[in-house]
Structure formats: structure tokens, C-alpha cells
PDB file of all heavy atoms in Angstrom:
ATOM      1  N   SER A   1      24.732   1.707   6.914  1.00  0.00           N
ATOM      2  CA  SER A   1      24.946   2.019   8.333  1.00  0.00           C
ATOM      3  C   SER A   1      26.404   1.756   8.709  1.00  0.00           C
ATOM      4  O   SER A   1      27.027   2.526   9.444  1.00  0.00           O
ATOM      5  CB  SER A   1      24.012   1.174   9.206  1.00  0.00           C
ATOM      6  OG  SER A   1      22.661   1.484   8.948  1.00  0.00           O
ATOM      7  N   VAL A   2      26.954   0.650   8.180  1.00  0.00           N
ATOM      8  CA  VAL A   2      28.365   0.339   8.427  1.00  0.00           C
ATOM      9  C   VAL A   2      29.261   1.417   7.817  1.00  0.00           C
ATOM     10  O   VAL A   2      30.250   1.849   8.416  1.00  0.00           O
ATOM     11  CB  VAL A   2      28.715  -1.052   7.856  1.00  0.00           C
ATOM     12  CG1 VAL A   2      30.230  -1.299   7.929  1.00  0.00           C
ATOM     13  CG2 VAL A   2      27.959  -2.141   8.605  1.00  0.00           C
ATOM     14  N   LEU A   3      28.887   1.876   6.607  1.00  0.00           N
ATOM     15  CA  LEU A   3      29.684   2.897   5.923  1.00  0.00           C
ATOM     16  C   LEU A   3      29.411   4.310   6.454  1.00  0.00           C
ATOM     17  O   LEU A   3      30.106   5.251   6.078  1.00  0.00           O
ATOM     18  CB  LEU A   3      29.390   2.859   4.415  1.00  0.00           C
ATOM     19  CG  LEU A   3      29.756   1.557   3.683  1.00  0.00           C
ATOM     20  CD1 LEU A   3      29.304   1.621   2.223  1.00  0.00           C
ATOM     21  CD2 LEU A   3      31.244   1.280   3.760  1.00  0.00           C
ATOM     22  N   ARG A   4      28.353   4.440   7.293  1.00  0.00           N
ATOM     23  CA  ARG A   4      27.970   5.720   7.904  1.00  0.00           C
ATOM     24  C   ARG A   4      27.612   6.786   6.856  1.00  0.00           C
ATOM     25  O   ARG A   4      27.973   7.952   6.967  1.00  0.00           O
ATOM     26  CB  ARG A   4      29.088   6.242   8.810  1.00  0.00           C
ATOM     27  CG  ARG A   4      29.370   5.339  10.004  1.00  0.00           C
ATOM     28  CD  ARG A   4      30.439   5.914  10.902  1.00  0.00           C
ATOM     29  NE  ARG A   4      30.705   5.024  12.033  1.00  0.00           N
ATOM     30  CZ  ARG A   4      31.599   5.294  12.994  1.00  0.00           C
ATOM     31  NH1 ARG A   4      32.309   6.424  12.939  1.00  0.00           N
ATOM     32  NH2 ARG A   4      31.783   4.436  13.972  1.00  0.00           N
ATOM     33  N   ILE A   5      26.884   6.347   5.857  1.00  0.00           N
ATOM     34  CA  ILE A   5      26.369   7.266   4.832  1.00  0.00           C
ATOM     35  C   ILE A   5      24.890   7.473   5.147  1.00  0.00           C
ATOM     36  O   ILE A   5      24.017   6.736   4.669  1.00  0.00           O
ATOM     37  CB  ILE A   5      26.593   6.698   3.423  1.00  0.00           C
ATOM     38  CG1 ILE A   5      28.078   6.405   3.201  1.00  0.00           C
ATOM     39  CG2 ILE A   5      26.101   7.678   2.352  1.00  0.00           C
ATOM     40  CD1 ILE A   5      28.384   5.745   1.876  1.00  0.00           C
ATOM     41  N   TYR A   6      24.605   8.479   5.944  1.00  0.00           N
ATOM     42  CA  TYR A   6      23.265   8.640   6.524  1.00  0.00           C
ATOM     43  C   TYR A   6      22.182   8.979   5.491  1.00  0.00           C
ATOM     44  O   TYR A   6      21.042   8.499   5.626  1.00  0.00           O
ATOM     45  CB  TYR A   6      23.325   9.682   7.639  1.00  0.00           C
ATOM     46  CG  TYR A   6      24.245   9.244   8.763  1.00  0.00           C
ATOM     47  CD1 TYR A   6      25.501   9.830   8.919  1.00  0.00           C
ATOM     48  CD2 TYR A   6      23.881   8.227   9.626  1.00  0.00           C
ATOM     49  CE1 TYR A   6      26.359   9.416   9.932  1.00  0.00           C
ATOM     50  CE2 TYR A   6      24.738   7.805  10.645  1.00  0.00           C
ATOM     51  CZ  TYR A   6      25.979   8.397  10.790  1.00  0.00           C
ATOM     52  OH  TYR A   6      26.816   7.973  11.781  1.00  0.00           O
ATOM     53  N   PRO A   7      22.466   9.806   4.478  1.00  0.00           N
ATOM     54  CA  PRO A   7      21.406  10.040   3.480  1.00  0.00           C
ATOM     55  C   PRO A   7      20.930   8.745   2.810  1.00  0.00           C
ATOM     56  O   PRO A   7      19.727   8.582   2.555  1.00  0.00           O
ATOM     57  CB  PRO A   7      22.085  10.976   2.464  1.00  0.00           C
ATOM     58  CG  PRO A   7      23.141  11.665   3.241  1.00  0.00           C
ATOM     59  CD  PRO A   7      23.640  10.660   4.208  1.00  0.00           C
ATOM     60  N   MET A   8      21.869   7.810   2.546  1.00  0.00           N
ATOM     61  CA  MET A   8      21.480   6.549   1.914  1.00  0.00           C
ATOM     62  C   MET A   8      20.761   5.622   2.896  1.00  0.00           C
ATOM     63  O   MET A   8      19.918   4.816   2.493  1.00  0.00           O
ATOM     64  CB  MET A   8      22.703   5.840   1.339  1.00  0.00           C
ATOM     65  CG  MET A   8      23.331   6.548   0.147  1.00  0.00           C
ATOM     66  SD  MET A   8      22.150   6.866  -1.192  1.00  0.00           S
ATOM     67  CE  MET A   8      21.593   5.234  -1.603  1.00  0.00           C
ATOM     68  N   ILE A   9      21.087   5.752   4.196  1.00  0.00           N
ATOM     69  CA  ILE A   9      20.346   4.988   5.207  1.00  0.00           C
ATOM     70  C   ILE A   9      18.891   5.420   5.192  1.00  0.00           C
ATOM     71  O   ILE A   9      17.964   4.591   5.148  1.00  0.00           O
ATOM     72  CB  ILE A   9      20.957   5.203   6.612  1.00  0.00           C
ATOM     73  CG1 ILE A   9      22.387   4.645   6.673  1.00  0.00           C
ATOM     74  CG2 ILE A   9      20.086   4.530   7.684  1.00  0.00           C
ATOM     75  CD1 ILE A   9      23.118   4.989   7.969  1.00  0.00           C
ATOM     76  N   ILE A  10      18.693   6.750   5.216  1.00  0.00           N
ATOM     77  CA  ILE A  10      17.316   7.291   5.207  1.00  0.00           C
ATOM     78  C   ILE A  10      16.603   6.905   3.913  1.00  0.00           C
ATOM     79  O   ILE A  10      15.428   6.513   3.921  1.00  0.00           O
ATOM     80  CB  ILE A  10      17.361   8.818   5.382  1.00  0.00           C
ATOM     81  CG1 ILE A  10      17.942   9.173   6.754  1.00  0.00           C
ATOM     82  CG2 ILE A  10      15.965   9.411   5.220  1.00  0.00           C
ATOM     83  CD1 ILE A  10      18.225  10.639   6.940  1.00  0.00           C
ATOM     84  N   PHE A  11      17.329   7.029   2.801  1.00  0.00           N
ATOM     85  CA  PHE A  11      16.737   6.687   1.494  1.00  0.00           C
ATOM     86  C   PHE A  11      16.257   5.239   1.488  1.00  0.00           C
ATOM     87  O   PHE A  11      15.133   4.931   1.054  1.00  0.00           O
ATOM     88  CB  PHE A  11      17.769   6.899   0.390  1.00  0.00           C
ATOM     89  CG  PHE A  11      17.203   6.809  -1.009  1.00  0.00           C
ATOM     90  CD1 PHE A  11      17.024   7.939  -1.780  1.00  0.00           C
ATOM     91  CD2 PHE A  11      16.848   5.578  -1.566  1.00  0.00           C
ATOM     92  CE1 PHE A  11      16.504   7.864  -3.064  1.00  0.00           C
ATOM     93  CE2 PHE A  11      16.327   5.479  -2.828  1.00  0.00           C
ATOM     94  CZ  PHE A  11      16.155   6.639  -3.598  1.00  0.00           C
ATOM     95  N   ASN A  12      17.081   4.292   1.937  1.00  0.00           N
ATOM     96  CA  ASN A  12      16.720   2.879   1.902  1.00  0.00           C
ATOM     97  C   ASN A  12      15.625   2.531   2.905  1.00  0.00           C
ATOM     98  O   ASN A  12      14.796   1.643   2.632  1.00  0.00           O
ATOM     99  CB  ASN A  12      17.960   2.016   2.152  1.00  0.00           C
ATOM    100  CG  ASN A  12      18.820   1.879   0.911  1.00  0.00           C
ATOM    101  OD1 ASN A  12      18.562   1.052   0.057  1.00  0.00           O
ATOM    102  ND2 ASN A  12      19.843   2.728   0.795  1.00  0.00           N
ATOM    103  N   ILE A  13      15.611   3.222   4.054  1.00  0.00           N
ATOM    104  CA  ILE A  13      14.495   3.014   4.987  1.00  0.00           C
ATOM    105  C   ILE A  13      13.190   3.451   4.327  1.00  0.00           C
ATOM    106  O   ILE A  13      12.157   2.770   4.423  1.00  0.00           O
ATOM    107  CB  ILE A  13      14.740   3.789   6.301  1.00  0.00           C
ATOM    108  CG1 ILE A  13      15.899   3.150   7.081  1.00  0.00           C
ATOM    109  CG2 ILE A  13      13.473   3.799   7.157  1.00  0.00           C
ATOM    110  CD1 ILE A  13      16.310   3.928   8.312  1.00  0.00           C
ATOM    111  N   GLY A  14      13.246   4.600   3.639  1.00  0.00           N
ATOM    112  CA  GLY A  14      12.060   5.063   2.907  1.00  0.00           C
ATOM    113  C   GLY A  14      11.642   4.081   1.832  1.00  0.00           C
ATOM    114  O   GLY A  14      10.439   3.842   1.610  1.00  0.00           O
ATOM    115  N   SER A  15      12.643   3.473   1.165  1.00  0.00           N
ATOM    116  CA  SER A  15      12.339   2.485   0.128  1.00  0.00           C
ATOM    117  C   SER A  15      11.656   1.255   0.716  1.00  0.00           C
ATOM    118  O   SER A  15      10.694   0.728   0.150  1.00  0.00           O
ATOM    119  CB  SER A  15      13.623   2.066  -0.592  1.00  0.00           C
ATOM    120  OG  SER A  15      14.197   3.169  -1.274  1.00  0.00           O
ATOM    121  N   VAL A  16      12.164   0.801   1.875  1.00  0.00           N
ATOM    122  CA  VAL A  16      11.552  -0.359   2.532  1.00  0.00           C
ATOM    123  C   VAL A  16      10.101  -0.064   2.891  1.00  0.00           C
ATOM    124  O   VAL A  16       9.207  -0.896   2.649  1.00  0.00           O
ATOM    125  CB  VAL A  16      12.356  -0.747   3.798  1.00  0.00           C
ATOM    126  CG1 VAL A  16      11.599  -1.806   4.604  1.00  0.00           C
ATOM    127  CG2 VAL A  16      13.737  -1.263   3.416  1.00  0.00           C
ATOM    128  N   ILE A  17       9.845   1.114   3.443  1.00  0.00           N
ATOM    129  CA  ILE A  17       8.467   1.503   3.800  1.00  0.00           C
ATOM    130  C   ILE A  17       7.589   1.550   2.546  1.00  0.00           C
ATOM    131  O   ILE A  17       6.439   1.095   2.552  1.00  0.00           O
ATOM    132  CB  ILE A  17       8.467   2.868   4.519  1.00  0.00           C
ATOM    133  CG1 ILE A  17       9.186   2.746   5.871  1.00  0.00           C
ATOM    134  CG2 ILE A  17       7.044   3.381   4.715  1.00  0.00           C
ATOM    135  CD1 ILE A  17       9.417   4.078   6.560  1.00  0.00           C
ATOM    136  N   THR A  18       8.156   2.104   1.463  1.00  0.00           N
ATOM    137  CA  THR A  18       7.407   2.199   0.199  1.00  0.00           C
ATOM    138  C   THR A  18       7.037   0.810  -0.315  1.00  0.00           C
ATOM    139  O   THR A  18       5.892   0.573  -0.740  1.00  0.00           O
ATOM    140  CB  THR A  18       8.245   2.936  -0.862  1.00  0.00           C
ATOM    141  OG1 THR A  18       8.539   4.250  -0.403  1.00  0.00           O
ATOM    142  CG2 THR A  18       7.492   3.021  -2.185  1.00  0.00           C
ATOM    143  N   TYR A  19       7.974  -0.124  -0.275  1.00  0.00           N
ATOM    144  CA  TYR A  19       7.704  -1.470  -0.793  1.00  0.00           C
ATOM    145  C   TYR A  19       6.728  -2.239   0.092  1.00  0.00           C
ATOM    146  O   TYR A  19       5.921  -3.038  -0.401  1.00  0.00           O
ATOM    147  CB  TYR A  19       9.009  -2.242  -0.960  1.00  0.00           C
ATOM    148  CG  TYR A  19       9.794  -1.789  -2.163  1.00  0.00           C
ATOM    149  CD1 TYR A  19      11.108  -1.333  -2.047  1.00  0.00           C
ATOM    150  CD2 TYR A  19       9.218  -1.792  -3.427  1.00  0.00           C
ATOM    151  CE1 TYR A  19      11.825  -0.903  -3.153  1.00  0.00           C
ATOM    152  CE2 TYR A  19       9.932  -1.365  -4.533  1.00  0.00           C
ATOM    153  CZ  TYR A  19      11.232  -0.917  -4.399  1.00  0.00           C
ATOM    154  OH  TYR A  19      11.931  -0.497  -5.501  1.00  0.00           O
ATOM    155  N   LEU A  20       6.801  -2.015   1.395  1.00  0.00           N
ATOM    156  CA  LEU A  20       5.808  -2.631   2.281  1.00  0.00           C
ATOM    157  C   LEU A  20       4.407  -2.121   1.955  1.00  0.00           C
ATOM    158  O   LEU A  20       3.422  -2.879   1.995  1.00  0.00           O
ATOM    159  CB  LEU A  20       6.157  -2.356   3.743  1.00  0.00           C
ATOM    160  CG  LEU A  20       7.431  -3.054   4.260  1.00  0.00           C
ATOM    161  CD1 LEU A  20       7.729  -2.609   5.690  1.00  0.00           C
ATOM    162  CD2 LEU A  20       7.287  -4.577   4.188  1.00  0.00           C
ATOM    163  N   LYS A  21       4.334  -0.831   1.626  1.00  0.00           N
ATOM    164  CA  LYS A  21       3.051  -0.253   1.219  1.00  0.00           C
ATOM    165  C   LYS A  21       2.606  -0.861  -0.117  1.00  0.00           C
ATOM    166  O   LYS A  21       1.426  -1.168  -0.314  1.00  0.00           O
ATOM    167  CB  LYS A  21       3.193   1.268   1.090  1.00  0.00           C
ATOM    168  CG  LYS A  21       1.920   1.975   0.630  1.00  0.00           C
ATOM    169  CD  LYS A  21       0.790   1.831   1.645  1.00  0.00           C
ATOM    170  CE  LYS A  21      -0.438   2.610   1.206  1.00  0.00           C
ATOM    171  NZ  LYS A  21      -1.594   2.410   2.135  1.00  0.00           N
ATOM    172  N   CYS A  22       3.554  -1.079  -1.027  1.00  0.00           N
ATOM    173  CA  CYS A  22       3.240  -1.699  -2.315  1.00  0.00           C
ATOM    174  C   CYS A  22       2.687  -3.111  -2.132  1.00  0.00           C
ATOM    175  O   CYS A  22       1.748  -3.518  -2.822  1.00  0.00           O
ATOM    176  CB  CYS A  22       4.486  -1.740  -3.196  1.00  0.00           C
ATOM    177  SG  CYS A  22       4.969  -0.148  -3.888  1.00  0.00           S
ATOM    178  N   ILE A  23       3.278  -3.854  -1.208  1.00  0.00           N
ATOM    179  CA  ILE A  23       2.806  -5.210  -0.935  1.00  0.00           C
ATOM    180  C   ILE A  23       1.358  -5.186  -0.454  1.00  0.00           C
ATOM    181  O   ILE A  23       0.534  -6.018  -0.847  1.00  0.00           O
ATOM    182  CB  ILE A  23       3.723  -5.900   0.104  1.00  0.00           C
ATOM    183  CG1 ILE A  23       5.100  -6.163  -0.515  1.00  0.00           C
ATOM    184  CG2 ILE A  23       3.100  -7.203   0.597  1.00  0.00           C
ATOM    185  CD1 ILE A  23       6.143  -6.616   0.482  1.00  0.00           C
ATOM    186  N   SER A  24       1.038  -4.204   0.390  1.00  0.00           N
ATOM    187  CA  SER A  24      -0.343  -4.049   0.869  1.00  0.00           C
ATOM    188  C   SER A  24      -1.286  -3.705  -0.283  1.00  0.00           C
ATOM    189  O   SER A  24      -2.400  -4.235  -0.375  1.00  0.00           O
ATOM    190  CB  SER A  24      -0.402  -2.961   1.935  1.00  0.00           C
ATOM    191  OG  SER A  24      -1.727  -2.751   2.368  1.00  0.00           O
ATOM    192  N   ILE A  25      -0.820  -2.833  -1.184  1.00  0.00           N
ATOM    193  CA  ILE A  25      -1.639  -2.458  -2.338  1.00  0.00           C
ATOM    194  C   ILE A  25      -1.877  -3.672  -3.232  1.00  0.00           C
ATOM    195  O   ILE A  25      -2.982  -3.910  -3.719  1.00  0.00           O
ATOM    196  CB  ILE A  25      -0.958  -1.324  -3.145  1.00  0.00           C
ATOM    197  CG1 ILE A  25      -0.941  -0.032  -2.324  1.00  0.00           C
ATOM    198  CG2 ILE A  25      -1.683  -1.089  -4.469  1.00  0.00           C
ATOM    199  CD1 ILE A  25      -0.136   1.084  -2.954  1.00  0.00           C
ATOM    200  N   ILE A  26      -0.835  -4.454  -3.459  1.00  0.00           N
ATOM    201  CA  ILE A  26      -0.960  -5.647  -4.304  1.00  0.00           C
ATOM    202  C   ILE A  26      -1.960  -6.631  -3.693  1.00  0.00           C
ATOM    203  O   ILE A  26      -2.775  -7.233  -4.390  1.00  0.00           O
ATOM    204  CB  ILE A  26       0.409  -6.331  -4.476  1.00  0.00           C
ATOM    205  CG1 ILE A  26       1.347  -5.431  -5.271  1.00  0.00           C
ATOM    206  CG2 ILE A  26       0.264  -7.682  -5.175  1.00  0.00           C
ATOM    207  CD1 ILE A  26       2.787  -5.896  -5.261  1.00  0.00           C
ATOM    208  N   LYS A  27      -1.912  -6.781  -2.386  1.00  0.00           N
ATOM    209  CA  LYS A  27      -2.769  -7.751  -1.697  1.00  0.00           C
ATOM    210  C   LYS A  27      -4.239  -7.410  -1.853  1.00  0.00           C
ATOM    211  O   LYS A  27      -5.075  -8.296  -2.082  1.00  0.00           O
ATOM    212  CB  LYS A  27      -2.392  -7.813  -0.219  1.00  0.00           C
ATOM    213  CG  LYS A  27      -3.180  -8.855   0.568  1.00  0.00           C
ATOM    214  CD  LYS A  27      -2.705  -8.915   2.011  1.00  0.00           C
ATOM    215  CE  LYS A  27      -3.479  -9.970   2.798  1.00  0.00           C
ATOM    216  NZ  LYS A  27      -3.029 -10.043   4.213  1.00  0.00           N
ATOM    217  N   TYR A  28      -4.577  -6.130  -1.747  1.00  0.00           N
ATOM    218  CA  TYR A  28      -5.992  -5.741  -1.736  1.00  0.00           C
ATOM    219  C   TYR A  28      -6.442  -5.052  -3.017  1.00  0.00           C
ATOM    220  O   TYR A  28      -7.625  -4.783  -3.187  1.00  0.00           O
ATOM    221  CB  TYR A  28      -6.261  -4.816  -0.548  1.00  0.00           C
ATOM    222  CG  TYR A  28      -6.005  -5.466   0.783  1.00  0.00           C
ATOM    223  CD1 TYR A  28      -4.867  -5.151   1.522  1.00  0.00           C
ATOM    224  CD2 TYR A  28      -6.873  -6.429   1.280  1.00  0.00           C
ATOM    225  CE1 TYR A  28      -4.610  -5.763   2.753  1.00  0.00           C
ATOM    226  CE2 TYR A  28      -6.625  -7.045   2.504  1.00  0.00           C
ATOM    227  CZ  TYR A  28      -5.495  -6.706   3.231  1.00  0.00           C
ATOM    228  OH  TYR A  28      -5.240  -7.313   4.437  1.00  0.00           O
ATOM    229  N   GLY A  29      -5.503  -4.745  -3.931  1.00  0.00           N
ATOM    230  CA  GLY A  29      -5.857  -4.023  -5.144  1.00  0.00           C
ATOM    231  C   GLY A  29      -6.080  -4.938  -6.330  1.00  0.00           C
ATOM    232  O   GLY A  29      -6.086  -6.162  -6.225  1.00  0.00           O
ATOM    233  N   TYR A  30      -6.257  -4.316  -7.492  1.00  0.00           N
ATOM    234  CA  TYR A  30      -6.494  -5.049  -8.730  1.00  0.00           C
ATOM    235  C   TYR A  30      -5.486  -4.622  -9.784  1.00  0.00           C
ATOM    236  O   TYR A  30      -4.433  -4.078  -9.461  1.00  0.00           O
ATOM    237  CB  TYR A  30      -7.931  -4.830  -9.214  1.00  0.00           C
ATOM    238  CG  TYR A  30      -8.931  -5.464  -8.287  1.00  0.00           C
ATOM    239  CD1 TYR A  30      -9.509  -4.727  -7.260  1.00  0.00           C
ATOM    240  CD2 TYR A  30      -9.271  -6.807  -8.420  1.00  0.00           C
ATOM    241  CE1 TYR A  30     -10.409  -5.314  -6.382  1.00  0.00           C
ATOM    242  CE2 TYR A  30     -10.167  -7.409  -7.543  1.00  0.00           C
ATOM    243  CZ  TYR A  30     -10.737  -6.650  -6.538  1.00  0.00           C
ATOM    244  OH  TYR A  30     -11.616  -7.232  -5.675  1.00  0.00           O
ATOM    245  N   GLU A  31      -5.809  -4.815 -11.085  1.00  0.00           N
ATOM    246  CA  GLU A  31      -4.821  -4.614 -12.135  1.00  0.00           C
ATOM    247  C   GLU A  31      -4.212  -3.220 -12.132  1.00  0.00           C
ATOM    248  O   GLU A  31      -3.000  -3.061 -12.294  1.00  0.00           O
ATOM    249  CB  GLU A  31      -5.450  -4.892 -13.519  1.00  0.00           C
ATOM    250  CG  GLU A  31      -5.825  -6.332 -13.754  1.00  0.00           C
ATOM    251  CD  GLU A  31      -7.251  -6.637 -13.357  1.00  0.00           C
ATOM    252  OE1 GLU A  31      -7.834  -5.882 -12.571  1.00  0.00           O
ATOM    253  OE2 GLU A  31      -7.784  -7.640 -13.849  1.00  0.00           O
ATOM    254  N   LYS A  32      -5.040  -2.182 -11.988  1.00  0.00           N
ATOM    255  CA  LYS A  32      -4.528  -0.812 -12.036  1.00  0.00           C
ATOM    256  C   LYS A  32      -3.520  -0.563 -10.912  1.00  0.00           C
ATOM    257  O   LYS A  32      -2.518   0.118 -11.097  1.00  0.00           O
ATOM    258  CB  LYS A  32      -5.677   0.188 -11.953  1.00  0.00           C
ATOM    259  CG  LYS A  32      -6.562   0.212 -13.196  1.00  0.00           C
ATOM    260  CD  LYS A  32      -7.657   1.262 -13.084  1.00  0.00           C
ATOM    261  CE  LYS A  32      -8.503   1.293 -14.342  1.00  0.00           C
ATOM    262  NZ  LYS A  32      -9.588   2.303 -14.249  1.00  0.00           N
TER     263      LYS A  32
END
């Protein structure tokens, strides 16, 4: 955001959302 590289801002926001979803999967899921 400081560097004003908007594609990477969007990419990292998407990554954060993805990892939050992963945390939810880990919490309620199993080995697979």
C-alpha cells in the first residue's frame, strides 16, 4: 500500500482471506 502496487495489495488481501479459511478448515477438519 505504501509502494502503491495495487495488484500486489489485492493479491495479499486474497492470501490473507485464503489463510483465514485454511485456519477454519484446520480447526474443524481432519488429516485430509
